[in-house]
Amino acid sequence: MAIKFCVKAGKSAVGMIELINKAYGSAAMSRANVYRWCARFRDGREDVKDDARSGHPLTARTDKNVESVHCLLTEDHRTTLQVIADNLNIGKETV
């Protein structure tokens, strides 16, 4: 939000970095991220939330999938994680 405000106020990225570092110290956003967000806001972006990312959705660990894993293991306790992941189309780490 602070970066968006500074962009609208015409503050330079270098000036923003100085202010952010002064306010947040070692917890400050990296210089690269400040430049990235400055560019986004200068290009007309209004939303401050990160963009959605590709990959497996965070909803892979559902009650249905837990039950499906349980059933597959009940049928054959020697089934590998990879086989279960492939059957259910979810990540091996989730299994």
N, C-alpha and C. Protein backbone atom coordinates (compact mmCIF):
# COMPACT_ATOMS: atom_id res chain seq x y z
N MET A 1 0.82 -1.18 0.00
CA MET A 1 0.00 0.00 0.00
C MET A 1 0.87 1.25 0.00
N ALA A 2 1.96 1.22 0.76
CA ALA A 2 2.83 2.39 0.83
C ALA A 2 3.46 2.68 -0.51
N ILE A 3 3.84 1.64 -1.24
CA ILE A 3 4.46 1.83 -2.56
C ILE A 3 3.43 2.43 -3.51
N LYS A 4 2.22 1.93 -3.48
CA LYS A 4 1.16 2.45 -4.34
C LYS A 4 0.96 3.94 -4.06
N PHE A 5 0.92 4.32 -2.78
CA PHE A 5 0.76 5.72 -2.40
C PHE A 5 1.93 6.55 -2.94
N CYS A 6 3.15 6.07 -2.76
CA CYS A 6 4.32 6.81 -3.21
C CYS A 6 4.35 6.99 -4.72
N VAL A 7 3.93 5.96 -5.45
CA VAL A 7 3.87 6.06 -6.91
C VAL A 7 2.87 7.14 -7.30
N LYS A 8 1.69 7.12 -6.68
CA LYS A 8 0.66 8.12 -6.99
C LYS A 8 1.12 9.53 -6.61
N ALA A 9 1.98 9.62 -5.59
CA ALA A 9 2.50 10.93 -5.15
C ALA A 9 3.71 11.37 -5.98
N GLY A 10 4.17 10.52 -6.90
CA GLY A 10 5.29 10.88 -7.77
C GLY A 10 6.66 10.65 -7.16
N LYS A 11 6.74 9.89 -6.10
CA LYS A 11 8.02 9.61 -5.44
C LYS A 11 8.84 8.64 -6.31
N SER A 12 10.15 8.80 -6.34
CA SER A 12 11.01 7.90 -7.11
C SER A 12 11.18 6.57 -6.37
N ALA A 13 11.55 5.53 -7.11
CA ALA A 13 11.76 4.21 -6.51
C ALA A 13 12.90 4.27 -5.49
N VAL A 14 13.94 5.02 -5.79
CA VAL A 14 15.07 5.14 -4.87
C VAL A 14 14.61 5.79 -3.56
N GLY A 15 13.79 6.83 -3.67
CA GLY A 15 13.26 7.47 -2.48
C GLY A 15 12.38 6.53 -1.67
N MET A 16 11.59 5.71 -2.37
CA MET A 16 10.74 4.74 -1.68
C MET A 16 11.57 3.72 -0.93
N ILE A 17 12.62 3.25 -1.56
CA ILE A 17 13.49 2.24 -0.93
C ILE A 17 14.09 2.82 0.36
N GLU A 18 14.52 4.06 0.31
CA GLU A 18 15.07 4.70 1.51
C GLU A 18 14.02 4.76 2.62
N LEU A 19 12.80 5.17 2.27
CA LEU A 19 11.72 5.27 3.27
C LEU A 19 11.36 3.90 3.84
N ILE A 20 11.25 2.91 2.97
CA ILE A 20 10.89 1.56 3.41
C ILE A 20 11.96 0.98 4.32
N ASN A 21 13.23 1.17 3.93
CA ASN A 21 14.33 0.68 4.77
C ASN A 21 14.36 1.38 6.13
N LYS A 22 14.07 2.67 6.13
CA LYS A 22 14.05 3.42 7.38
C LYS A 22 12.91 2.94 8.28
N ALA A 23 11.77 2.67 7.69
CA ALA A 23 10.59 2.26 8.47
C ALA A 23 10.68 0.82 8.95
N TYR A 24 11.17 -0.08 8.09
CA TYR A 24 11.11 -1.51 8.40
C TYR A 24 12.45 -2.16 8.71
N GLY A 25 13.53 -1.46 8.48
CA GLY A 25 14.86 -2.01 8.79
C GLY A 25 15.13 -3.33 8.08
N SER A 26 15.56 -4.33 8.84
CA SER A 26 15.93 -5.62 8.24
C SER A 26 14.72 -6.39 7.71
N ALA A 27 13.51 -5.98 8.09
CA ALA A 27 12.29 -6.65 7.61
C ALA A 27 11.74 -5.98 6.35
N ALA A 28 12.47 -5.04 5.79
CA ALA A 28 12.01 -4.31 4.60
C ALA A 28 11.96 -5.20 3.38
N MET A 29 11.08 -4.86 2.48
CA MET A 29 10.96 -5.54 1.19
C MET A 29 12.27 -5.36 0.41
N SER A 30 12.62 -6.33 -0.40
CA SER A 30 13.86 -6.23 -1.16
C SER A 30 13.77 -5.13 -2.21
N ARG A 31 14.92 -4.63 -2.61
CA ARG A 31 15.00 -3.58 -3.63
C ARG A 31 14.32 -4.05 -4.93
N ALA A 32 14.56 -5.29 -5.32
CA ALA A 32 13.97 -5.83 -6.56
C ALA A 32 12.44 -5.82 -6.48
N ASN A 33 11.90 -6.20 -5.33
CA ASN A 33 10.45 -6.21 -5.19
C ASN A 33 9.87 -4.80 -5.20
N VAL A 34 10.58 -3.85 -4.62
CA VAL A 34 10.11 -2.46 -4.65
C VAL A 34 10.04 -1.99 -6.10
N TYR A 35 11.09 -2.24 -6.88
CA TYR A 35 11.08 -1.85 -8.29
C TYR A 35 9.96 -2.56 -9.05
N ARG A 36 9.75 -3.83 -8.77
CA ARG A 36 8.71 -4.60 -9.45
C ARG A 36 7.32 -4.02 -9.18
N TRP A 37 7.05 -3.72 -7.90
CA TRP A 37 5.74 -3.16 -7.55
C TRP A 37 5.59 -1.73 -8.07
N CYS A 38 6.66 -0.96 -8.08
CA CYS A 38 6.59 0.39 -8.66
C CYS A 38 6.17 0.31 -10.12
N ALA A 39 6.79 -0.59 -10.86
CA ALA A 39 6.46 -0.74 -12.28
C ALA A 39 5.00 -1.15 -12.45
N ARG A 40 4.52 -2.08 -11.63
CA ARG A 40 3.13 -2.51 -11.73
C ARG A 40 2.17 -1.36 -11.50
N PHE A 41 2.43 -0.56 -10.47
CA PHE A 41 1.52 0.55 -10.17
C PHE A 41 1.62 1.66 -11.22
N ARG A 42 2.82 1.89 -11.73
CA ARG A 42 2.96 2.89 -12.80
C ARG A 42 2.24 2.46 -14.07
N ASP A 43 2.14 1.15 -14.29
CA ASP A 43 1.43 0.63 -15.46
C ASP A 43 -0.08 0.62 -15.26
N GLY A 44 -0.54 1.11 -14.12
CA GLY A 44 -1.97 1.24 -13.90
C GLY A 44 -2.60 0.21 -12.98
N ARG A 45 -1.81 -0.66 -12.44
CA ARG A 45 -2.36 -1.66 -11.53
C ARG A 45 -2.90 -0.98 -10.27
N GLU A 46 -4.05 -1.47 -9.80
CA GLU A 46 -4.65 -0.93 -8.59
C GLU A 46 -4.65 -1.94 -7.45
N ASP A 47 -4.69 -3.23 -7.78
CA ASP A 47 -4.77 -4.29 -6.78
C ASP A 47 -3.41 -4.49 -6.12
N VAL A 48 -3.40 -4.64 -4.80
CA VAL A 48 -2.14 -4.85 -4.08
C VAL A 48 -1.88 -6.32 -3.77
N LYS A 49 -2.80 -7.21 -4.13
CA LYS A 49 -2.61 -8.63 -3.87
C LYS A 49 -1.74 -9.25 -4.95
N ASP A 50 -0.97 -10.28 -4.57
CA ASP A 50 -0.15 -11.00 -5.54
C ASP A 50 -1.04 -11.68 -6.57
N ASP A 51 -0.50 -11.87 -7.78
CA ASP A 51 -1.22 -12.59 -8.82
C ASP A 51 -1.29 -14.07 -8.48
N ALA A 52 -2.31 -14.74 -8.98
CA ALA A 52 -2.43 -16.18 -8.80
C ALA A 52 -1.26 -16.87 -9.52
N ARG A 53 -0.84 -17.98 -8.98
CA ARG A 53 0.28 -18.72 -9.57
C ARG A 53 -0.20 -20.07 -10.09
N SER A 54 0.55 -20.60 -11.04
CA SER A 54 0.19 -21.90 -11.59
C SER A 54 0.65 -23.01 -10.65
N GLY A 55 0.25 -24.22 -10.95
CA GLY A 55 0.63 -25.35 -10.13
C GLY A 55 -0.58 -26.01 -9.52
N HIS A 56 -0.34 -26.97 -8.67
CA HIS A 56 -1.45 -27.66 -8.02
C HIS A 56 -2.21 -26.70 -7.11
N PRO A 57 -3.52 -26.76 -7.15
CA PRO A 57 -4.27 -25.88 -6.26
C PRO A 57 -4.06 -26.26 -4.80
N LEU A 58 -4.26 -25.31 -3.92
CA LEU A 58 -4.08 -25.56 -2.50
C LEU A 58 -5.17 -26.44 -1.93
N THR A 59 -6.17 -26.77 -2.74
CA THR A 59 -7.29 -27.56 -2.27
C THR A 59 -7.11 -29.05 -2.53
N ALA A 60 -5.89 -29.51 -2.78
CA ALA A 60 -5.65 -30.93 -3.07
C ALA A 60 -5.90 -31.80 -1.84
N ARG A 61 -5.72 -31.26 -0.65
CA ARG A 61 -5.92 -32.02 0.57
C ARG A 61 -7.38 -31.86 1.03
N THR A 62 -8.25 -32.62 0.39
CA THR A 62 -9.68 -32.56 0.71
C THR A 62 -10.09 -33.85 1.42
N ASP A 63 -11.27 -33.83 2.02
CA ASP A 63 -11.78 -35.04 2.67
C ASP A 63 -11.92 -36.18 1.67
N LYS A 64 -12.35 -35.84 0.45
CA LYS A 64 -12.50 -36.85 -0.60
C LYS A 64 -11.16 -37.50 -0.93
N ASN A 65 -10.11 -36.67 -1.09
CA ASN A 65 -8.79 -37.22 -1.41
C ASN A 65 -8.22 -38.03 -0.25
N VAL A 66 -8.45 -37.59 0.98
CA VAL A 66 -7.98 -38.35 2.14
C VAL A 66 -8.64 -39.72 2.15
N GLU A 67 -9.94 -39.75 1.90
CA GLU A 67 -10.66 -41.03 1.86
C GLU A 67 -10.17 -41.90 0.71
N SER A 68 -9.90 -41.28 -0.44
CA SER A 68 -9.42 -42.04 -1.60
C SER A 68 -8.05 -42.66 -1.32
N VAL A 69 -7.16 -41.90 -0.68
CA VAL A 69 -5.85 -42.43 -0.31
C VAL A 69 -6.02 -43.60 0.65
N HIS A 70 -6.89 -43.44 1.63
CA HIS A 70 -7.14 -44.51 2.60
C HIS A 70 -7.64 -45.77 1.90
N CYS A 71 -8.57 -45.62 0.96
CA CYS A 71 -9.10 -46.77 0.23
C CYS A 71 -8.01 -47.47 -0.60
N LEU A 72 -7.19 -46.67 -1.29
CA LEU A 72 -6.12 -47.26 -2.09
C LEU A 72 -5.14 -48.03 -1.23
N LEU A 73 -4.82 -47.49 -0.06
CA LEU A 73 -3.89 -48.18 0.83
C LEU A 73 -4.52 -49.41 1.46
N THR A 74 -5.82 -49.38 1.67
CA THR A 74 -6.52 -50.54 2.23
C THR A 74 -6.51 -51.69 1.21
N GLU A 75 -6.68 -51.35 -0.07
CA GLU A 75 -6.67 -52.35 -1.13
C GLU A 75 -5.29 -52.99 -1.27
N ASP A 76 -4.25 -52.16 -1.22
CA ASP A 76 -2.88 -52.67 -1.36
C ASP A 76 -1.95 -51.77 -0.56
N HIS A 77 -1.54 -52.26 0.60
CA HIS A 77 -0.70 -51.44 1.49
C HIS A 77 0.70 -51.21 0.94
N ARG A 78 1.06 -51.89 -0.15
CA ARG A 78 2.38 -51.71 -0.76
C ARG A 78 2.35 -50.70 -1.91
N THR A 79 1.22 -50.08 -2.13
CA THR A 79 1.10 -49.07 -3.19
C THR A 79 2.05 -47.91 -2.90
N THR A 80 2.75 -47.45 -3.93
CA THR A 80 3.71 -46.37 -3.74
C THR A 80 3.02 -45.01 -3.75
N LEU A 81 3.70 -44.03 -3.17
CA LEU A 81 3.19 -42.67 -3.16
C LEU A 81 2.96 -42.16 -4.58
N GLN A 82 3.88 -42.48 -5.47
CA GLN A 82 3.77 -42.00 -6.85
C GLN A 82 2.55 -42.58 -7.53
N VAL A 83 2.25 -43.85 -7.32
CA VAL A 83 1.07 -44.48 -7.92
C VAL A 83 -0.20 -43.82 -7.40
N ILE A 84 -0.26 -43.58 -6.09
CA ILE A 84 -1.43 -42.92 -5.50
C ILE A 84 -1.57 -41.51 -6.06
N ALA A 85 -0.47 -40.77 -6.12
CA ALA A 85 -0.51 -39.40 -6.65
C ALA A 85 -0.99 -39.38 -8.09
N ASP A 86 -0.50 -40.32 -8.89
CA ASP A 86 -0.92 -40.39 -10.29
C ASP A 86 -2.40 -40.75 -10.40
N ASN A 87 -2.86 -41.69 -9.59
CA ASN A 87 -4.27 -42.10 -9.64
C ASN A 87 -5.22 -40.96 -9.26
N LEU A 88 -4.81 -40.16 -8.28
CA LEU A 88 -5.69 -39.09 -7.79
C LEU A 88 -5.40 -37.73 -8.39
N ASN A 89 -4.35 -37.67 -9.22
CA ASN A 89 -3.95 -36.42 -9.88
C ASN A 89 -3.65 -35.33 -8.83
N ILE A 90 -2.88 -35.70 -7.82
CA ILE A 90 -2.42 -34.75 -6.81
C ILE A 90 -0.92 -34.95 -6.62
N GLY A 91 -0.28 -34.03 -5.97
CA GLY A 91 1.17 -34.10 -5.76
C GLY A 91 1.56 -35.19 -4.79
N LYS A 92 2.73 -35.78 -5.02
CA LYS A 92 3.24 -36.83 -4.15
C LYS A 92 3.42 -36.32 -2.72
N GLU A 93 3.82 -35.06 -2.58
CA GLU A 93 4.00 -34.49 -1.24
C GLU A 93 2.66 -34.41 -0.49
N THR A 94 1.58 -34.18 -1.21
CA THR A 94 0.26 -34.13 -0.59
C THR A 94 -0.18 -35.49 -0.11
N VAL A 95 0.14 -36.53 -0.90
CA VAL A 95 -0.21 -37.90 -0.51
C VAL A 95 0.49 -38.21 0.80
